[in-house]
Amino acid sequence: MNDVLQQLDQILAQRRQADPASSYVASLHHKGLNKILEKVGEEATEVILAAKDAAGEGSDGGREALVGEVADLWFHTLVMLSHLDCDAAAVLACLQQRLGLSGLEEKNARSEPAGGH
């Protein structure tokens, strides 16, 4: 797993138990899943807006803003996973399984009923 993601998983696990007054992550966990999901939604919206701006600007500044917003989204998604006792390794394992599989094939496989028919 990517070292940065592994380090973030460890930090998020530690901060989950921290004093909410001393840690932003702990404060999110303390407020509960709905607050965390709200932050994920806010960040997703900001990514969309930054992507539209980056496409319109055609400059590195727009791309830098987009990258920053995606980092915020990924971070808050990792907080969500941590809150649900999951981590980035599980997501990376899922992506690893999908490597080499056509996106259309993968989507169709998820759409099939449990019996495969």
N, C-alpha and C. Protein backbone atom coordinates (compact mmCIF):
# COMPACT_ATOMS: atom_id res chain seq x y z
N MET A 1 0.85 -1.18 0.00
CA MET A 1 0.00 0.00 0.00
C MET A 1 0.89 1.23 0.00
N ASN A 2 0.40 2.29 -0.61
CA ASN A 2 1.12 3.55 -0.65
C ASN A 2 1.48 3.98 0.78
N ASP A 3 2.73 4.40 0.98
CA ASP A 3 3.18 4.80 2.31
C ASP A 3 2.35 5.93 2.89
N VAL A 4 1.96 6.89 2.07
CA VAL A 4 1.17 8.03 2.56
C VAL A 4 -0.18 7.54 3.07
N LEU A 5 -0.83 6.67 2.31
CA LEU A 5 -2.13 6.15 2.76
C LEU A 5 -1.98 5.31 4.02
N GLN A 6 -0.93 4.53 4.09
CA GLN A 6 -0.68 3.72 5.29
C GLN A 6 -0.45 4.62 6.50
N GLN A 7 0.33 5.66 6.33
CA GLN A 7 0.58 6.60 7.42
C GLN A 7 -0.71 7.30 7.84
N LEU A 8 -1.51 7.71 6.86
CA LEU A 8 -2.78 8.36 7.19
C LEU A 8 -3.71 7.41 7.94
N ASP A 9 -3.78 6.16 7.51
CA ASP A 9 -4.60 5.18 8.22
C ASP A 9 -4.18 5.08 9.69
N GLN A 10 -2.87 5.03 9.94
CA GLN A 10 -2.37 4.93 11.30
C GLN A 10 -2.70 6.19 12.12
N ILE A 11 -2.49 7.35 11.52
CA ILE A 11 -2.80 8.60 12.21
C ILE A 11 -4.29 8.71 12.51
N LEU A 12 -5.11 8.35 11.53
CA LEU A 12 -6.56 8.44 11.73
C LEU A 12 -7.02 7.48 12.83
N ALA A 13 -6.44 6.30 12.89
CA ALA A 13 -6.79 5.33 13.94
C ALA A 13 -6.42 5.89 15.31
N GLN A 14 -5.26 6.53 15.42
CA GLN A 14 -4.82 7.11 16.69
C GLN A 14 -5.72 8.28 17.09
N ARG A 15 -6.01 9.14 16.14
CA ARG A 15 -6.77 10.36 16.46
C ARG A 15 -8.24 10.06 16.72
N ARG A 16 -8.70 8.92 16.26
CA ARG A 16 -10.10 8.54 16.51
C ARG A 16 -10.36 8.47 18.02
N GLN A 17 -9.33 8.10 18.76
CA GLN A 17 -9.45 7.96 20.21
C GLN A 17 -9.00 9.21 20.97
N ALA A 18 -8.58 10.24 20.26
CA ALA A 18 -8.04 11.44 20.90
C ALA A 18 -9.16 12.32 21.47
N ASP A 19 -8.75 13.31 22.21
CA ASP A 19 -9.68 14.29 22.76
C ASP A 19 -10.22 15.15 21.63
N PRO A 20 -11.55 15.23 21.49
CA PRO A 20 -12.12 16.04 20.41
C PRO A 20 -11.70 17.51 20.45
N ALA A 21 -11.32 17.99 21.61
CA ALA A 21 -10.88 19.39 21.72
C ALA A 21 -9.48 19.59 21.16
N SER A 22 -8.73 18.49 21.00
CA SER A 22 -7.35 18.63 20.55
C SER A 22 -7.10 18.11 19.14
N SER A 23 -8.13 17.54 18.50
CA SER A 23 -7.92 16.93 17.19
C SER A 23 -9.16 17.11 16.33
N TYR A 24 -8.93 17.63 15.12
CA TYR A 24 -10.03 17.79 14.17
C TYR A 24 -10.67 16.44 13.84
N VAL A 25 -9.84 15.43 13.60
CA VAL A 25 -10.35 14.10 13.29
C VAL A 25 -11.17 13.55 14.45
N ALA A 26 -10.66 13.69 15.66
CA ALA A 26 -11.40 13.23 16.83
C ALA A 26 -12.73 13.97 16.96
N SER A 27 -12.72 15.26 16.65
CA SER A 27 -13.97 16.02 16.74
C SER A 27 -14.99 15.53 15.72
N LEU A 28 -14.53 15.15 14.53
CA LEU A 28 -15.44 14.57 13.53
C LEU A 28 -16.01 13.25 14.02
N HIS A 29 -15.15 12.38 14.54
CA HIS A 29 -15.62 11.10 15.06
C HIS A 29 -16.61 11.32 16.20
N HIS A 30 -16.31 12.28 17.05
CA HIS A 30 -17.18 12.58 18.20
C HIS A 30 -18.57 13.05 17.73
N LYS A 31 -18.60 13.82 16.64
CA LYS A 31 -19.88 14.32 16.12
C LYS A 31 -20.68 13.24 15.40
N GLY A 32 -20.00 12.17 14.98
CA GLY A 32 -20.69 11.02 14.43
C GLY A 32 -20.66 10.93 12.91
N LEU A 33 -21.20 9.82 12.44
CA LEU A 33 -21.14 9.50 11.01
C LEU A 33 -21.83 10.56 10.15
N ASN A 34 -22.97 11.05 10.58
CA ASN A 34 -23.69 12.04 9.75
C ASN A 34 -22.84 13.28 9.49
N LYS A 35 -22.10 13.75 10.49
CA LYS A 35 -21.23 14.91 10.30
C LYS A 35 -20.10 14.58 9.33
N ILE A 36 -19.55 13.37 9.47
CA ILE A 36 -18.47 12.96 8.57
C ILE A 36 -18.99 12.87 7.14
N LEU A 37 -20.16 12.29 6.96
CA LEU A 37 -20.75 12.19 5.62
C LEU A 37 -21.06 13.56 5.05
N GLU A 38 -21.48 14.48 5.90
CA GLU A 38 -21.72 15.86 5.46
C GLU A 38 -20.43 16.47 4.92
N LYS A 39 -19.32 16.24 5.61
CA LYS A 39 -18.03 16.77 5.15
C LYS A 39 -17.61 16.12 3.84
N VAL A 40 -17.84 14.81 3.69
CA VAL A 40 -17.50 14.14 2.44
C VAL A 40 -18.32 14.76 1.30
N GLY A 41 -19.60 15.00 1.55
CA GLY A 41 -20.46 15.63 0.53
C GLY A 41 -20.00 17.03 0.17
N GLU A 42 -19.65 17.81 1.18
CA GLU A 42 -19.15 19.17 0.93
C GLU A 42 -17.89 19.13 0.09
N GLU A 43 -16.98 18.25 0.44
CA GLU A 43 -15.71 18.16 -0.29
C GLU A 43 -15.94 17.68 -1.71
N ALA A 44 -16.87 16.75 -1.91
CA ALA A 44 -17.17 16.27 -3.27
C ALA A 44 -17.69 17.42 -4.13
N THR A 45 -18.54 18.24 -3.55
CA THR A 45 -19.06 19.40 -4.28
C THR A 45 -17.93 20.37 -4.64
N GLU A 46 -17.01 20.58 -3.69
CA GLU A 46 -15.89 21.48 -3.94
C GLU A 46 -14.97 20.93 -5.04
N VAL A 47 -14.83 19.61 -5.10
CA VAL A 47 -14.02 19.00 -6.17
C VAL A 47 -14.68 19.27 -7.51
N ILE A 48 -15.98 19.10 -7.59
CA ILE A 48 -16.69 19.34 -8.85
C ILE A 48 -16.52 20.79 -9.30
N LEU A 49 -16.69 21.71 -8.38
CA LEU A 49 -16.54 23.13 -8.72
C LEU A 49 -15.10 23.46 -9.15
N ALA A 50 -14.14 22.90 -8.43
CA ALA A 50 -12.73 23.14 -8.78
C ALA A 50 -12.40 22.54 -10.14
N ALA A 51 -12.97 21.40 -10.46
CA ALA A 51 -12.72 20.77 -11.77
C ALA A 51 -13.28 21.64 -12.88
N LYS A 52 -14.46 22.19 -12.67
CA LYS A 52 -15.05 23.07 -13.67
C LYS A 52 -14.18 24.32 -13.84
N ASP A 53 -13.70 24.86 -12.73
CA ASP A 53 -12.82 26.04 -12.80
C ASP A 53 -11.51 25.70 -13.52
N ALA A 54 -10.94 24.54 -13.20
CA ALA A 54 -9.67 24.14 -13.81
C ALA A 54 -9.84 23.95 -15.31
N ALA A 55 -10.97 23.41 -15.72
CA ALA A 55 -11.22 23.21 -17.15
C ALA A 55 -11.37 24.55 -17.86
N GLY A 56 -11.94 25.52 -17.17
CA GLY A 56 -12.15 26.83 -17.77
C GLY A 56 -10.92 27.69 -17.78
N GLU A 57 -10.08 27.54 -16.78
CA GLU A 57 -8.89 28.39 -16.67
C GLU A 57 -7.76 27.93 -17.57
N GLY A 58 -7.57 26.62 -17.66
CA GLY A 58 -6.46 26.10 -18.43
C GLY A 58 -5.11 26.47 -17.85
N SER A 59 -5.09 26.82 -16.57
CA SER A 59 -3.83 27.21 -15.94
C SER A 59 -3.45 26.23 -14.85
N ASP A 60 -2.19 26.29 -14.45
CA ASP A 60 -1.73 25.44 -13.36
C ASP A 60 -2.40 25.82 -12.04
N GLY A 61 -2.77 27.06 -11.86
CA GLY A 61 -3.45 27.49 -10.64
C GLY A 61 -4.76 26.75 -10.43
N GLY A 62 -5.50 26.57 -11.51
CA GLY A 62 -6.75 25.81 -11.42
C GLY A 62 -6.50 24.36 -11.08
N ARG A 63 -5.44 23.81 -11.65
CA ARG A 63 -5.10 22.42 -11.34
C ARG A 63 -4.64 22.27 -9.90
N GLU A 64 -3.87 23.23 -9.41
CA GLU A 64 -3.42 23.17 -8.02
C GLU A 64 -4.61 23.21 -7.08
N ALA A 65 -5.57 24.06 -7.37
CA ALA A 65 -6.78 24.13 -6.54
C ALA A 65 -7.55 22.82 -6.59
N LEU A 66 -7.64 22.24 -7.77
CA LEU A 66 -8.33 20.96 -7.94
C LEU A 66 -7.63 19.87 -7.13
N VAL A 67 -6.33 19.79 -7.24
CA VAL A 67 -5.58 18.78 -6.49
C VAL A 67 -5.79 18.95 -4.99
N GLY A 68 -5.79 20.18 -4.52
CA GLY A 68 -6.04 20.45 -3.10
C GLY A 68 -7.42 20.00 -2.66
N GLU A 69 -8.41 20.25 -3.50
CA GLU A 69 -9.78 19.83 -3.17
C GLU A 69 -9.91 18.31 -3.20
N VAL A 70 -9.25 17.66 -4.15
CA VAL A 70 -9.30 16.19 -4.19
C VAL A 70 -8.61 15.63 -2.94
N ALA A 71 -7.51 16.24 -2.52
CA ALA A 71 -6.85 15.80 -1.29
C ALA A 71 -7.79 15.92 -0.10
N ASP A 72 -8.54 17.02 -0.03
CA ASP A 72 -9.52 17.19 1.05
C ASP A 72 -10.59 16.10 1.00
N LEU A 73 -11.06 15.79 -0.21
CA LEU A 73 -12.07 14.75 -0.37
C LEU A 73 -11.52 13.40 0.05
N TRP A 74 -10.34 13.08 -0.42
CA TRP A 74 -9.74 11.79 -0.05
C TRP A 74 -9.55 11.70 1.45
N PHE A 75 -9.08 12.78 2.06
CA PHE A 75 -8.86 12.80 3.51
C PHE A 75 -10.16 12.52 4.25
N HIS A 76 -11.21 13.24 3.90
CA HIS A 76 -12.48 13.06 4.61
C HIS A 76 -13.09 11.68 4.32
N THR A 77 -12.82 11.15 3.14
CA THR A 77 -13.27 9.78 2.84
C THR A 77 -12.51 8.79 3.72
N LEU A 78 -11.23 9.02 3.94
CA LEU A 78 -10.46 8.16 4.83
C LEU A 78 -10.97 8.25 6.27
N VAL A 79 -11.38 9.44 6.69
CA VAL A 79 -11.98 9.59 8.02
C VAL A 79 -13.26 8.76 8.10
N MET A 80 -14.08 8.83 7.05
CA MET A 80 -15.32 8.05 6.99
C MET A 80 -15.01 6.55 7.11
N LEU A 81 -14.03 6.08 6.32
CA LEU A 81 -13.66 4.67 6.38
C LEU A 81 -13.20 4.29 7.78
N SER A 82 -12.39 5.14 8.39
CA SER A 82 -11.91 4.89 9.74
C SER A 82 -13.08 4.79 10.72
N HIS A 83 -14.04 5.67 10.58
CA HIS A 83 -15.20 5.67 11.47
C HIS A 83 -15.98 4.36 11.34
N LEU A 84 -15.94 3.77 10.16
CA LEU A 84 -16.67 2.54 9.88
C LEU A 84 -15.77 1.30 10.01
N ASP A 85 -14.62 1.47 10.70
CA ASP A 85 -13.66 0.39 10.93
C ASP A 85 -13.18 -0.25 9.63
N CYS A 86 -12.91 0.58 8.66
CA CYS A 86 -12.37 0.15 7.37
C CYS A 86 -11.15 1.03 7.12
N ASP A 87 -10.34 0.67 6.14
CA ASP A 87 -9.18 1.51 5.87
C ASP A 87 -8.86 1.53 4.38
N ALA A 88 -7.87 2.30 4.05
CA ALA A 88 -7.48 2.48 2.65
C ALA A 88 -7.00 1.17 2.03
N ALA A 89 -6.43 0.28 2.83
CA ALA A 89 -5.94 -0.99 2.30
C ALA A 89 -7.08 -1.79 1.66
N ALA A 90 -8.25 -1.75 2.24
CA ALA A 90 -9.40 -2.47 1.68
C ALA A 90 -9.80 -1.88 0.34
N VAL A 91 -9.76 -0.56 0.22
CA VAL A 91 -10.11 0.10 -1.04
C VAL A 91 -9.06 -0.21 -2.09
N LEU A 92 -7.80 -0.15 -1.70
CA LEU A 92 -6.72 -0.46 -2.65
C LEU A 92 -6.80 -1.91 -3.10
N ALA A 93 -7.15 -2.83 -2.21
CA ALA A 93 -7.31 -4.23 -2.59
C ALA A 93 -8.43 -4.40 -3.60
N CYS A 94 -9.52 -3.67 -3.41
CA CYS A 94 -10.63 -3.70 -4.36
C CYS A 94 -10.19 -3.18 -5.72
N LEU A 95 -9.46 -2.08 -5.73
CA LEU A 95 -8.96 -1.53 -6.99
C LEU A 95 -7.99 -2.50 -7.66
N GLN A 96 -7.16 -3.16 -6.86
CA GLN A 96 -6.20 -4.14 -7.38
C GLN A 96 -6.93 -5.26 -8.09
N GLN A 97 -8.03 -5.72 -7.50
CA GLN A 97 -8.81 -6.79 -8.12
C GLN A 97 -9.40 -6.36 -9.45
N ARG A 98 -9.68 -5.08 -9.58
CA ARG A 98 -10.30 -4.56 -10.80
C ARG A 98 -9.29 -4.27 -11.91
N LEU A 99 -8.00 -4.25 -11.58
CA LEU A 99 -6.99 -3.98 -12.60
C LEU A 99 -7.09 -5.01 -13.71
N GLY A 100 -7.02 -4.55 -14.93
CA GLY A 100 -7.07 -5.44 -16.06
C GLY A 100 -8.47 -5.87 -16.46
N LEU A 101 -9.44 -5.44 -15.69
CA LEU A 101 -10.84 -5.76 -15.99
C LEU A 101 -11.46 -4.54 -16.63
N SER A 102 -12.13 -4.75 -17.73
CA SER A 102 -12.80 -3.66 -18.40
C SER A 102 -13.79 -3.01 -17.44
N GLY A 103 -13.88 -1.70 -17.48
CA GLY A 103 -14.85 -0.99 -16.65
C GLY A 103 -16.27 -1.46 -16.90
N LEU A 104 -16.58 -1.74 -18.15
CA LEU A 104 -17.92 -2.23 -18.48
C LEU A 104 -18.14 -3.63 -17.92
N GLU A 105 -17.12 -4.49 -18.01
CA GLU A 105 -17.24 -5.84 -17.45
C GLU A 105 -17.42 -5.77 -15.94
N GLU A 106 -16.65 -4.92 -15.29
CA GLU A 106 -16.72 -4.80 -13.84
C GLU A 106 -18.09 -4.30 -13.42
N LYS A 107 -18.60 -3.31 -14.13
CA LYS A 107 -19.92 -2.78 -13.80
C LYS A 107 -21.00 -3.83 -14.00
N ASN A 108 -20.93 -4.57 -15.09
CA ASN A 108 -21.91 -5.63 -15.36
C ASN A 108 -21.84 -6.71 -14.29
N ALA A 109 -20.64 -7.04 -13.84
CA ALA A 109 -20.48 -8.07 -12.79
C ALA A 109 -21.14 -7.63 -11.50
N ARG A 110 -21.07 -6.33 -11.19
CA ARG A 110 -21.71 -5.83 -9.96
C ARG A 110 -23.21 -5.81 -10.10
N SER A 111 -23.73 -5.73 -11.34
CA SER A 111 -25.16 -5.62 -11.59
C SER A 111 -25.86 -6.97 -11.59
N GLU A 112 -25.11 -8.06 -11.76
CA GLU A 112 -25.72 -9.38 -11.86
C GLU A 112 -26.32 -9.79 -10.52
N PRO A 113 -27.44 -10.50 -10.54
CA PRO A 113 -28.01 -11.04 -9.32
C PRO A 113 -27.05 -12.03 -8.66
N ALA A 114 -27.30 -12.34 -7.41
CA ALA A 114 -26.39 -13.20 -6.63
C ALA A 114 -26.11 -14.53 -7.34
N GLY A 115 -27.09 -15.08 -8.03
CA GLY A 115 -26.90 -16.35 -8.72
C GLY A 115 -26.09 -16.23 -9.99
N GLY A 116 -25.80 -15.02 -10.44
CA GLY A 116 -24.99 -14.78 -11.63
C GLY A 116 -25.81 -14.76 -12.90
N HIS A 117 -27.13 -14.83 -12.83
CA HIS A 117 -27.99 -14.82 -14.02
C HIS A 117 -28.84 -13.59 -14.06
